[in-house]
Amino acid sequence: MADSEPLNPISIGLDDGYAFTKVAMPDGRLIAIPSRARIGRSNVTWLNGSEQRVFEYETDDTLFAVGEVEGEPTHFDGYPFSGLNRAIVQHALHEAGLAGQSVHAVSGLPVSSFYLKDGDQRLELIERKRASLKQAVQPIDGRLPAAIAFHEVIPEALAAWYDHIISEANGGVQLEAERLGVPVAVIDIGGRTTDFVVVADQAVRHDSSGSLRCGLLDLKRQVASAIRAKFDLEELSERATDDAVRSGSVRLFGKTHDVAELVRHARREIVQRLHAETQRQLGRGAELERILFVGGGAVALAEDIRDWFPNQTLAPHPAFANARGMLKYLRYVCQEPT
């Protein structure tokens, strides 16, 4: 598109997590894809008109296959600034119908990656994240790329707080005054990290906020390790691991095997770690008006966490709370360029 042609940028909330990448659209649509990709060509040919499920993108002179591939691990410190992340985000934007569009986005970083413990911002990391997603990513099959022209970064669990206090209805927006003025904790159970944010008097209380490096990807890794050990396997695919976590069974050597006890054991260990850190951060939460659980882990572990606090609640569609809050922050709080 020529530089002289006007662009009408589309505002989105972009929760580009280690396990799933979620997009909140201004028309209310919510899109999620697995954060799954690997370096190199897909090496797949789709037969008999089968729907294409792997797509290829190039960024910074590196080719990535995104979709139904055996993905490379995303749980490394540099993932938010990597070509792997950019390729997955570009695919999510295409799935949202944003090919060829100019995009304004707000994304996030874990609380401990955004703030130092004294409350100062980690400006270098924030700027790296902001700049990374603005780098060009080119689909190699002729589709037009989505271009992120403006990008702001906020703490992930704090995004869910914005979702909690800002309401949109009937084409209008309002601040929920009774929520704004009371102390609230947000517990965001994600893929690689679990974030804690306490907001009181419209200020983040850093002595009760932070991140624990533990999430749903740890559960999957433990389950995969236990299954490999039980059946003497060198590898176990992501798909087989996901099936085992979801159903308690795995298909190997042409037969279905019950691994429910292995999954329960791994689940108990993860829940115990999360519960211990939650108590360390929040105590009994007696002076908090509400403790809000969000994130994909809050869905997957709903039965395990349902009675941790008498004043807890699960956010509506909790896996998308951050993405929705990021979009609300972009539309109503930050200085978005016109």
Protein backbone atom coordinates (compact mmCIF):
# COMPACT_ATOMS: atom_id res chain seq x y z
CA MET A 1 0.00 0.00 0.00
CA ALA A 2 1.39 3.38 -0.94
CA ASP A 3 2.45 5.71 1.86
CA SER A 4 -0.02 8.32 0.60
CA GLU A 5 -3.01 6.03 1.08
CA PRO A 6 -4.80 6.56 4.42
CA LEU A 7 -4.91 3.72 6.90
CA ASN A 8 -7.58 3.27 9.52
CA PRO A 9 -5.75 1.37 12.26
CA ILE A 10 -7.62 -1.28 14.20
CA SER A 11 -7.18 -1.34 17.98
CA ILE A 12 -6.65 -4.71 19.67
CA GLY A 13 -5.75 -6.22 23.01
CA LEU A 14 -2.94 -8.74 22.49
CA ASP A 15 -2.21 -11.25 25.25
CA ASP A 16 0.72 -13.11 23.65
CA GLY A 17 1.24 -15.74 26.32
CA TYR A 18 3.63 -18.66 26.48
CA ALA A 19 0.83 -21.22 26.06
CA PHE A 20 -1.84 -19.35 24.09
CA THR A 21 -1.99 -16.07 22.18
CA LYS A 22 -5.29 -14.22 22.61
CA VAL A 23 -6.67 -11.26 20.67
CA ALA A 24 -9.54 -9.03 21.81
CA MET A 25 -11.18 -7.18 18.92
CA PRO A 26 -13.13 -3.90 19.11
CA ASP A 27 -16.20 -5.66 17.68
CA GLY A 28 -16.25 -7.99 20.70
CA ARG A 29 -14.68 -11.03 19.05
CA LEU A 30 -12.16 -13.02 21.08
CA ILE A 31 -9.59 -15.14 19.21
CA ALA A 32 -7.13 -17.63 20.70
CA ILE A 33 -4.47 -19.83 19.11
CA PRO A 34 -1.85 -22.10 20.72
CA SER A 35 1.54 -20.40 20.99
CA ARG A 36 3.05 -23.12 18.86
CA ALA A 37 5.70 -22.72 16.16
CA ARG A 38 9.13 -23.90 15.14
CA ILE A 39 12.03 -22.68 13.06
CA GLY A 40 12.09 -23.89 9.45
CA ARG A 41 9.65 -25.06 6.81
CA SER A 42 6.55 -27.01 7.75
CA ASN A 43 7.51 -30.00 5.53
CA VAL A 44 3.81 -30.86 5.21
CA THR A 45 1.71 -31.38 2.07
CA TRP A 46 -2.06 -31.23 2.55
CA LEU A 47 -3.86 -33.98 0.63
CA ASN A 48 -7.26 -34.17 -1.05
CA GLY A 49 -8.23 -30.59 -0.31
CA SER A 50 -7.57 -30.88 3.42
CA GLU A 51 -7.70 -27.61 5.30
CA GLN A 52 -4.27 -26.04 5.70
CA ARG A 53 -3.25 -26.09 9.36
CA VAL A 54 0.39 -24.94 9.19
CA PHE A 55 1.44 -21.52 7.90
CA GLU A 56 4.89 -20.06 7.29
CA TYR A 57 6.21 -16.61 8.16
CA GLU A 58 9.59 -14.89 7.85
CA THR A 59 11.01 -12.33 10.24
CA ASP A 60 14.57 -11.13 10.73
CA ASP A 61 15.74 -13.51 7.94
CA THR A 62 14.39 -16.57 9.78
CA LEU A 63 11.52 -18.78 8.62
CA PHE A 64 8.94 -20.11 11.09
CA ALA A 65 6.16 -22.67 10.70
CA VAL A 66 3.13 -21.86 12.87
CA GLY A 67 0.07 -23.97 13.64
CA GLU A 68 -0.24 -27.73 14.01
CA VAL A 69 3.47 -28.42 14.31
CA GLU A 70 5.57 -29.93 17.06
CA GLY A 71 6.42 -26.56 18.51
CA GLU A 72 9.64 -25.35 20.06
CA PRO A 73 9.52 -24.46 23.76
CA THR A 74 8.27 -20.93 24.45
CA HIS A 75 9.17 -21.01 28.15
CA PHE A 76 12.50 -19.15 27.89
CA ASP A 77 13.36 -15.66 29.10
CA GLY A 78 13.78 -14.16 25.63
CA TYR A 79 10.49 -15.41 24.20
CA PRO A 80 8.61 -12.06 24.43
CA PHE A 81 11.31 -10.48 22.23
CA SER A 82 11.88 -13.35 19.80
CA GLY A 83 11.12 -14.10 16.18
CA LEU A 84 9.20 -17.14 17.42
CA ASN A 85 6.88 -14.79 19.32
CA ARG A 86 6.49 -12.42 16.36
CA ALA A 87 5.58 -15.26 13.97
CA ILE A 88 2.94 -16.62 16.37
CA VAL A 89 1.49 -13.13 16.92
CA GLN A 90 1.36 -12.53 13.16
CA HIS A 91 -0.55 -15.78 12.71
CA ALA A 92 -2.99 -14.77 15.46
CA LEU A 93 -3.56 -11.46 13.68
CA HIS A 94 -4.31 -13.32 10.47
CA GLU A 95 -6.72 -15.61 12.30
CA ALA A 96 -8.43 -12.44 13.53
CA GLY A 97 -8.88 -11.26 9.94
CA LEU A 98 -6.29 -8.46 10.15
CA ALA A 99 -4.18 -9.33 7.09
CA GLY A 100 -3.17 -6.14 5.30
CA GLN A 101 -4.37 -3.97 8.20
CA SER A 102 -2.55 -1.41 10.31
CA VAL A 103 -2.88 -2.37 13.97
CA HIS A 104 -2.61 -0.49 17.26
CA ALA A 105 -1.97 -2.95 20.08
CA VAL A 106 -1.44 -3.21 23.81
CA SER A 107 0.31 -6.35 25.03
CA GLY A 108 1.81 -7.36 28.36
CA LEU A 109 4.75 -8.66 30.32
CA PRO A 110 4.66 -10.68 33.55
CA VAL A 111 4.56 -8.44 36.61
CA SER A 112 8.13 -9.27 37.67
CA SER A 113 9.36 -8.55 34.13
CA PHE A 114 7.58 -5.18 34.10
CA TYR A 115 8.36 -3.94 37.63
CA LEU A 116 11.31 -4.12 39.95
CA LYS A 117 10.28 -4.99 43.51
CA ASP A 118 10.53 -1.32 44.52
CA GLY A 119 8.01 -0.38 41.84
CA ASP A 120 10.39 1.08 39.27
CA GLN A 121 9.71 -0.07 35.75
CA ARG A 122 12.15 -2.29 33.87
CA LEU A 123 12.36 0.23 31.05
CA GLU A 124 14.84 -1.69 28.91
CA LEU A 125 12.73 -4.87 28.89
CA ILE A 126 9.55 -2.90 28.23
CA GLU A 127 11.12 -1.10 25.27
CA ARG A 128 12.49 -4.37 23.88
CA LYS A 129 9.00 -5.85 23.96
CA ARG A 130 7.47 -2.72 22.45
CA ALA A 131 10.01 -2.63 19.61
CA SER A 132 10.01 -6.38 18.90
CA LEU A 133 6.37 -6.67 17.86
CA LYS A 134 6.72 -3.65 15.55
CA GLN A 135 9.32 -5.54 13.47
CA ALA A 136 8.15 -6.76 10.10
CA VAL A 137 6.81 -10.32 9.72
CA GLN A 138 6.06 -11.52 6.19
CA PRO A 139 3.79 -14.45 5.29
CA ILE A 140 5.58 -16.37 2.56
CA ASP A 141 2.45 -17.52 0.73
CA GLY A 142 1.49 -14.14 -0.70
CA ARG A 143 -0.89 -13.04 2.06
CA LEU A 144 -0.51 -9.45 3.20
CA PRO A 145 1.06 -8.95 6.63
CA ALA A 146 -0.64 -7.22 9.51
CA ALA A 147 1.54 -4.29 10.60
CA ILE A 148 1.67 -3.18 14.24
CA ALA A 149 2.10 0.58 13.91
CA PHE A 150 1.61 1.43 17.60
CA HIS A 151 2.39 -0.83 20.53
CA GLU A 152 2.16 -0.22 24.27
CA VAL A 153 3.07 -2.70 27.03
CA ILE A 154 1.49 -3.06 30.49
CA PRO A 155 1.72 -5.66 33.31
CA GLU A 156 -0.37 -8.70 32.48
CA ALA A 157 -2.40 -9.11 35.66
CA LEU A 158 -2.94 -5.35 35.86
CA ALA A 159 -4.60 -5.60 32.45
CA ALA A 160 -7.25 -7.83 34.04
CA TRP A 161 -7.81 -5.14 36.69
CA TYR A 162 -8.60 -2.64 33.93
CA ASP A 163 -11.02 -5.18 32.50
CA HIS A 164 -12.60 -5.46 35.96
CA ILE A 165 -13.13 -1.72 36.52
CA ILE A 166 -14.07 -0.56 32.99
CA SER A 167 -17.45 -1.63 31.66
CA GLU A 168 -18.67 -1.35 28.08
CA ALA A 169 -22.38 -1.65 27.33
CA ASN A 170 -24.80 -0.31 24.73
CA GLY A 171 -22.04 1.52 22.90
CA GLY A 172 -20.94 3.39 26.04
CA VAL A 173 -18.21 3.03 28.65
CA GLN A 174 -18.15 3.64 32.38
CA LEU A 175 -15.87 3.17 35.37
CA GLU A 176 -17.31 0.82 37.98
CA ALA A 177 -16.96 3.20 40.95
CA GLU A 178 -17.62 0.55 43.59
CA ARG A 179 -14.80 -1.55 42.14
CA LEU A 180 -12.41 1.33 41.59
CA GLY A 181 -12.29 2.44 45.19
CA VAL A 182 -11.74 -0.88 46.97
CA PRO A 183 -8.63 -3.07 47.35
CA VAL A 184 -8.59 -5.88 44.80
CA ALA A 185 -6.11 -8.67 44.13
CA VAL A 186 -5.74 -10.29 40.72
CA ILE A 187 -4.25 -13.79 40.43
CA ASP A 188 -3.39 -14.57 36.83
CA ILE A 189 -2.50 -18.25 36.27
CA GLY A 190 -0.87 -18.44 32.87
CA GLY A 191 1.33 -20.76 30.86
CA ARG A 192 4.78 -20.05 32.26
CA THR A 193 4.02 -17.65 35.11
CA THR A 194 1.42 -16.91 37.75
CA ASP A 195 1.12 -13.18 38.41
CA PHE A 196 -0.17 -11.41 41.50
CA VAL A 197 -1.25 -7.76 41.55
CA VAL A 198 -2.89 -5.93 44.44
CA VAL A 199 -4.45 -2.56 43.61
CA ALA A 200 -5.73 -0.27 46.37
CA ASP A 201 -6.58 3.43 46.10
CA GLN A 202 -5.72 3.13 42.38
CA ALA A 203 -2.13 2.19 43.21
CA VAL A 204 -0.22 -1.07 42.80
CA ARG A 205 0.95 -2.46 46.16
CA HIS A 206 4.30 -3.94 45.23
CA ASP A 207 4.89 -5.74 48.53
CA SER A 208 1.96 -8.02 47.62
CA SER A 209 2.56 -8.16 43.86
CA GLY A 210 4.95 -10.22 41.75
CA SER A 211 5.32 -13.38 39.70
CA LEU A 212 5.86 -17.06 40.34
CA ARG A 213 7.49 -19.00 37.52
CA CYS A 214 4.90 -21.74 37.49
CA GLY A 215 1.90 -22.36 35.25
CA LEU A 216 0.11 -24.77 32.97
CA LEU A 217 3.20 -25.50 30.89
CA ASP A 218 4.82 -26.91 34.04
CA LEU A 219 1.86 -29.25 34.43
CA LYS A 220 2.23 -30.43 30.84
CA ARG A 221 5.99 -30.92 31.22
CA GLN A 222 5.53 -33.01 34.35
CA VAL A 223 2.83 -35.13 32.74
CA ALA A 224 4.95 -35.69 29.62
CA SER A 225 7.97 -36.65 31.74
CA ALA A 226 5.92 -39.14 33.79
CA ILE A 227 4.43 -40.76 30.68
CA ARG A 228 7.83 -41.06 29.00
CA ALA A 229 9.23 -42.72 32.11
CA LYS A 230 6.29 -45.13 32.47
CA PHE A 231 6.37 -46.28 28.83
CA ASP A 232 10.13 -45.92 28.25
CA LEU A 233 9.71 -43.28 25.54
CA GLU A 234 12.35 -40.87 24.32
CA GLU A 235 9.76 -38.32 23.20
CA LEU A 236 6.06 -37.55 23.55
CA SER A 237 4.32 -35.12 21.21
CA GLU A 238 2.56 -31.97 22.37
CA ARG A 239 -0.71 -33.33 21.02
CA ALA A 240 -0.41 -36.56 23.00
CA THR A 241 0.50 -34.59 26.13
CA ASP A 242 -2.46 -32.25 25.70
CA ASP A 243 -4.78 -35.23 25.26
CA ALA A 244 -3.39 -36.85 28.41
CA VAL A 245 -3.87 -33.69 30.51
CA ARG A 246 -7.39 -33.19 29.19
CA SER A 247 -8.71 -36.78 29.23
CA GLY A 248 -6.42 -38.74 31.56
CA SER A 249 -5.55 -41.18 28.79
CA VAL A 250 -2.95 -41.44 26.05
CA ARG A 251 -2.88 -43.38 22.78
CA LEU A 252 0.39 -45.30 22.37
CA PHE A 253 1.35 -48.35 20.33
CA GLY A 254 -2.17 -48.53 18.92
CA LYS A 255 -3.84 -48.74 22.34
CA THR A 256 -5.41 -46.32 24.82
CA HIS A 257 -3.66 -46.24 28.21
CA ASP A 258 -5.03 -44.81 31.45
CA VAL A 259 -2.64 -42.15 32.84
CA ALA A 260 -5.18 -40.36 35.05
CA GLU A 261 -3.19 -40.97 38.23
CA LEU A 262 -0.03 -39.51 36.68
CA VAL A 263 -2.00 -36.41 35.68
CA ARG A 264 -3.57 -36.10 39.16
CA HIS A 265 -0.15 -36.34 40.82
CA ALA A 266 1.36 -33.64 38.59
CA ARG A 267 -1.71 -31.49 39.07
CA ARG A 268 -1.49 -31.76 42.87
CA GLU A 269 2.15 -30.66 42.82
CA ILE A 270 1.42 -27.60 40.67
CA VAL A 271 -1.61 -26.61 42.76
CA GLN A 272 0.38 -26.92 45.99
CA ARG A 273 3.10 -24.61 44.62
CA LEU A 274 0.52 -22.07 43.49
CA HIS A 275 -1.36 -22.20 46.80
CA ALA A 276 1.80 -21.72 48.85
CA GLU A 277 2.86 -18.67 46.82
CA THR A 278 -0.66 -17.23 46.94
CA GLN A 279 -0.66 -17.45 50.74
CA ARG A 280 2.80 -15.87 50.87
CA GLN A 281 1.68 -12.94 48.71
CA LEU A 282 -1.83 -12.37 50.04
CA GLY A 283 -2.09 -14.15 53.37
CA ARG A 284 -5.77 -14.83 54.05
CA GLY A 285 -6.82 -11.80 51.98
CA ALA A 286 -9.04 -10.56 54.80
CA GLU A 287 -8.71 -6.85 53.94
CA LEU A 288 -9.19 -7.34 50.22
CA GLU A 289 -12.66 -6.65 48.88
CA ARG A 290 -12.24 -9.20 46.11
CA ILE A 291 -9.69 -11.70 44.87
CA LEU A 292 -10.11 -12.14 41.14
CA PHE A 293 -8.80 -15.25 39.38
CA VAL A 294 -8.00 -14.91 35.67
CA GLY A 295 -5.97 -16.68 32.99
CA GLY A 296 -6.18 -20.01 31.23
CA GLY A 297 -4.93 -21.75 34.37
CA ALA A 298 -7.88 -20.41 36.33
CA VAL A 299 -10.09 -22.32 33.91
CA ALA A 300 -8.05 -25.53 33.84
CA LEU A 301 -7.61 -25.60 37.63
CA ALA A 302 -11.02 -24.19 38.58
CA GLU A 303 -11.97 -27.15 40.80
CA ASP A 304 -8.62 -27.07 42.63
CA ILE A 305 -8.69 -23.35 43.45
CA ARG A 306 -12.41 -22.81 44.09
CA ASP A 307 -12.21 -22.52 47.90
CA TRP A 308 -8.92 -20.76 48.55
CA PHE A 309 -10.60 -17.54 49.78
CA PRO A 310 -14.14 -16.72 50.91
CA ASN A 311 -14.01 -13.46 48.90
CA GLN A 312 -12.68 -14.90 45.62
CA THR A 313 -14.36 -14.89 42.23
CA LEU A 314 -13.61 -16.12 38.72
CA ALA A 315 -13.60 -13.42 36.03
CA PRO A 316 -16.02 -13.82 33.10
CA HIS A 317 -14.24 -15.78 30.35
CA PRO A 318 -11.10 -15.65 32.52
CA ALA A 319 -8.66 -16.72 29.79
CA PHE A 320 -9.45 -13.48 27.93
CA ALA A 321 -9.47 -11.08 30.90
CA ASN A 322 -6.00 -9.73 30.12
CA ALA A 323 -6.68 -9.31 26.40
CA ARG A 324 -9.96 -7.50 27.11
CA GLY A 325 -8.25 -5.26 29.67
CA MET A 326 -5.44 -4.46 27.23
CA LEU A 327 -7.97 -3.33 24.64
CA LYS A 328 -9.82 -1.20 27.22
CA TYR A 329 -6.51 0.32 28.34
CA LEU A 330 -5.72 1.20 24.73
CA ARG A 331 -9.12 2.73 24.04
CA TYR A 332 -9.74 4.62 27.26
CA VAL A 333 -6.52 5.07 29.25
CA CYS A 334 -3.33 5.40 27.22
CA GLN A 335 -2.46 8.10 24.71
CA GLU A 336 -3.16 6.33 21.43
CA PRO A 337 -1.99 8.30 18.37
CA THR A 338 -4.69 9.50 16.01
